Amino acid sequence: MGRKYLDTALAQTIAWLWLGFLVAGVVAWFAYQYWRKRHPPAVPEPERSYSQRLEQRLAKNPSTAKRKRRGGSAKSHPRRHG
């Protein structure tokens, strides 16, 4: 049995498709690099100290600054002996 070769037109079409995908990928990569140079990522804020974060958190919600009652929950009733 002889070896069958691919049709030349089909092989050429497949080669052109692969080349087109390769060129499209390279163009997309260069476009992305160009865009990133024009739009650099935002610089993150430096992390604040614990005291600054605490101050902001307490100023945001004043109810968090209240002291917790030590006598148990407000819903529980005192036990009656007798």
Protein backbone atom coordinates (compact mmCIF):
# COMPACT_ATOMS: atom_id res chain seq x y z
CA MET A 1 0.00 0.00 0.00
CA GLY A 2 1.36 3.36 -0.99
CA ARG A 3 1.54 6.35 1.26
CA LYS A 4 -1.22 8.91 0.72
CA TYR A 5 -0.27 12.55 0.73
CA LEU A 6 -2.55 15.36 1.80
CA ASP A 7 -4.18 17.40 -0.87
CA THR A 8 -1.91 20.39 -1.54
CA ALA A 9 -4.76 22.91 -1.50
CA LEU A 10 -6.01 21.59 1.87
CA ALA A 11 -2.52 21.65 3.39
CA GLN A 12 -1.99 25.19 2.16
CA THR A 13 -5.34 26.31 3.63
CA ILE A 14 -4.48 24.78 7.01
CA ALA A 15 -1.06 26.46 6.95
CA TRP A 16 -2.63 29.86 6.15
CA LEU A 17 -5.13 29.42 8.99
CA TRP A 18 -2.36 28.65 11.49
CA LEU A 19 -0.31 31.58 10.25
CA GLY A 20 -3.36 33.84 10.57
CA PHE A 21 -3.95 32.74 14.18
CA LEU A 22 -0.29 33.30 14.98
CA VAL A 23 -0.27 36.80 13.46
CA ALA A 24 -3.55 37.69 15.22
CA GLY A 25 -2.09 36.59 18.56
CA VAL A 26 1.08 38.63 18.10
CA VAL A 27 -0.90 41.71 17.06
CA ALA A 28 -3.19 41.32 20.08
CA TRP A 29 -0.18 41.01 22.40
CA PHE A 30 1.42 44.18 21.00
CA ALA A 31 -1.90 46.03 21.26
CA TYR A 32 -2.22 44.97 24.89
CA GLN A 33 1.32 46.13 25.68
CA TYR A 34 0.64 49.47 23.97
CA TRP A 35 -2.57 49.90 25.96
CA ARG A 36 -0.87 49.02 29.28
CA LYS A 37 1.78 51.70 28.70
CA ARG A 38 -0.96 54.29 28.26
CA HIS A 39 -3.03 53.01 31.22
CA PRO A 40 -0.72 52.00 34.08
CA PRO A 41 -2.30 50.21 37.05
CA ALA A 42 -3.45 52.37 39.95
CA VAL A 43 -0.92 52.74 42.75
CA PRO A 44 -2.31 51.05 45.88
CA GLU A 45 -2.68 53.17 49.00
CA PRO A 46 0.00 52.52 51.59
CA GLU A 47 -1.29 50.41 54.45
CA ARG A 48 -2.25 52.54 57.40
CA SER A 49 -1.14 51.88 60.92
CA TYR A 50 -3.36 50.02 63.34
CA SER A 51 -4.23 53.19 65.25
CA GLN A 52 -5.30 54.97 62.06
CA ARG A 53 -7.49 52.03 60.99
CA LEU A 54 -9.02 51.82 64.46
CA GLU A 55 -9.71 55.55 64.51
CA GLN A 56 -11.45 55.35 61.14
CA ARG A 57 -13.49 52.31 62.15
CA LEU A 58 -14.65 53.94 65.38
CA ALA A 59 -15.52 57.19 63.61
CA LYS A 60 -17.55 55.32 60.99
CA ASN A 61 -19.87 53.61 63.47
CA PRO A 62 -20.10 55.23 66.90
CA SER A 63 -22.08 52.32 68.35
CA THR A 64 -19.01 50.09 68.16
CA ALA A 65 -17.26 52.28 70.72
CA LYS A 66 -19.82 51.44 73.44
CA ARG A 67 -18.73 49.07 76.17
CA LYS A 68 -20.36 45.71 76.34
CA ARG A 69 -22.46 44.95 79.39
CA ARG A 70 -20.94 42.40 81.69
CA GLY A 71 -24.13 41.16 83.27
CA GLY A 72 -25.23 38.92 80.40
CA SER A 73 -27.61 39.64 77.59
CA ALA A 74 -30.41 42.18 77.95
CA LYS A 75 -33.01 39.56 76.98
CA SER A 76 -32.32 37.20 79.87
CA HIS A 77 -34.30 37.74 83.05
CA PRO A 78 -32.80 37.29 86.48
CA ARG A 79 -33.50 33.89 88.03
CA ARG A 80 -35.98 33.72 90.84
CA HIS A 81 -35.19 31.62 93.87
CA GLY A 82 -37.97 30.14 95.77
